Amino acid sequence: MGLAQFLWLYIRCKFLQESARPDVKINTLGSIKAIAISENVTERYVARVLRDSLLAPGLIERILAGRQPVTLAVRQLLDPPPIDWAEQPRHFGFSS
């Protein structure tokens, strides 16, 4: 899975997490399964993305704009990031 596909999945998961519609609540197994099927990934992968969906909005914007470090890999984004958004750029190798 490439960085763009990871971010698309991440954004979909965030939307579902914050959704007020009861039929798309992410805490239901059906929603996780539906995302996994539609994105052609495993339910475990979707659950991991959800669990680690603590990326700072500024980082997401920079990645979507193609301004991420060339060394940044999806694997790094799947590991739990620092909780403090201010620490995340340094953690993932972004210059200030």
Protein backbone atom coordinates (compact mmCIF):
# COMPACT_ATOMS: atom_id res chain seq x y z
CA MET A 1 0.00 0.00 0.00
CA GLY A 2 1.33 3.39 -0.96
CA LEU A 3 1.28 6.56 1.09
CA ALA A 4 -1.64 8.05 -0.85
CA GLN A 5 -3.80 4.95 -0.36
CA PHE A 6 -2.91 4.88 3.34
CA LEU A 7 -3.97 8.51 3.75
CA TRP A 8 -7.22 7.93 1.87
CA LEU A 9 -8.00 5.05 4.25
CA TYR A 10 -6.96 7.17 7.23
CA ILE A 11 -9.23 10.04 6.23
CA ARG A 12 -12.18 7.66 5.68
CA CYS A 13 -11.60 6.15 9.11
CA LYS A 14 -11.41 9.57 10.77
CA PHE A 15 -14.66 10.59 9.10
CA LEU A 16 -16.39 7.45 10.30
CA GLN A 17 -14.96 7.86 13.78
CA GLU A 18 -16.39 11.35 14.08
CA SER A 19 -19.64 10.68 12.28
CA ALA A 20 -22.86 11.20 14.16
CA ARG A 21 -24.75 8.77 11.93
CA PRO A 22 -25.37 5.56 13.89
CA ASP A 23 -25.24 3.41 10.75
CA VAL A 24 -21.61 4.39 10.10
CA LYS A 25 -20.18 4.35 13.60
CA ILE A 26 -16.66 2.96 13.42
CA ASN A 27 -17.02 1.03 16.64
CA THR A 28 -19.19 -1.52 14.87
CA LEU A 29 -17.49 -4.50 13.29
CA GLY A 30 -19.61 -4.07 10.17
CA SER A 31 -18.12 -0.67 9.41
CA ILE A 32 -14.56 -1.91 9.77
CA LYS A 33 -15.36 -4.86 7.54
CA ALA A 34 -17.03 -2.61 4.95
CA ILE A 35 -13.98 -0.32 4.80
CA ALA A 36 -11.64 -3.29 4.52
CA ILE A 37 -13.60 -4.77 1.64
CA SER A 38 -13.95 -1.48 -0.23
CA GLU A 39 -10.24 -0.64 0.16
CA ASN A 40 -9.05 -4.22 -0.49
CA VAL A 41 -7.19 -4.45 2.82
CA THR A 42 -7.67 -6.61 5.90
CA GLU A 43 -9.93 -5.73 8.82
CA ARG A 44 -6.86 -5.91 11.03
CA TYR A 45 -5.17 -3.24 8.93
CA VAL A 46 -8.20 -0.94 9.14
CA ALA A 47 -8.36 -1.46 12.91
CA ARG A 48 -4.67 -0.59 13.18
CA VAL A 49 -5.12 2.59 11.17
CA LEU A 50 -8.03 3.55 13.42
CA ARG A 51 -6.12 2.82 16.59
CA ASP A 52 -3.26 4.97 15.44
CA SER A 53 -5.34 7.77 13.97
CA LEU A 54 -3.63 10.44 16.03
CA LEU A 55 -1.74 12.21 13.26
CA ALA A 56 -1.67 15.97 13.50
CA PRO A 57 -3.83 17.67 10.87
CA GLY A 58 -0.84 19.71 9.69
CA LEU A 59 1.10 16.52 8.93
CA ILE A 60 -1.77 15.09 6.93
CA GLU A 61 -2.01 18.31 4.92
CA ARG A 62 1.73 18.27 4.20
CA ILE A 63 1.65 14.63 3.10
CA LEU A 64 -1.38 15.16 0.87
CA ALA A 65 0.39 18.13 -0.71
CA GLY A 66 3.43 15.94 -1.39
CA ARG A 67 5.67 17.78 1.08
CA GLN A 68 6.66 14.75 3.16
CA PRO A 69 10.24 13.51 3.57
CA VAL A 70 11.22 11.07 0.82
CA THR A 71 12.17 8.61 3.54
CA LEU A 72 8.67 8.57 5.09
CA ALA A 73 7.05 5.16 4.68
CA VAL A 74 3.56 3.87 5.46
CA ARG A 75 5.10 1.50 8.01
CA GLN A 76 6.25 4.48 10.07
CA LEU A 77 2.75 5.98 10.03
CA LEU A 78 1.26 2.73 11.33
CA ASP A 79 3.38 2.81 14.46
CA PRO A 80 1.77 4.83 17.25
CA PRO A 81 2.91 8.45 16.89
CA PRO A 82 3.75 10.76 19.78
CA ILE A 83 0.54 12.07 21.36
CA ASP A 84 1.85 15.64 21.29
CA TRP A 85 1.20 16.96 17.78
CA ALA A 86 4.13 19.37 18.16
CA GLU A 87 6.53 16.39 18.45
CA GLN A 88 5.20 14.53 15.42
CA PRO A 89 7.01 16.45 12.62
CA ARG A 90 10.42 15.70 14.16
CA HIS A 91 9.40 12.10 14.89
CA PHE A 92 8.51 11.48 11.24
CA GLY A 93 11.51 13.33 9.81
CA PHE A 94 9.85 16.58 8.68
CA SER A 95 12.00 19.69 8.69
CA SER A 96 10.45 22.68 10.44
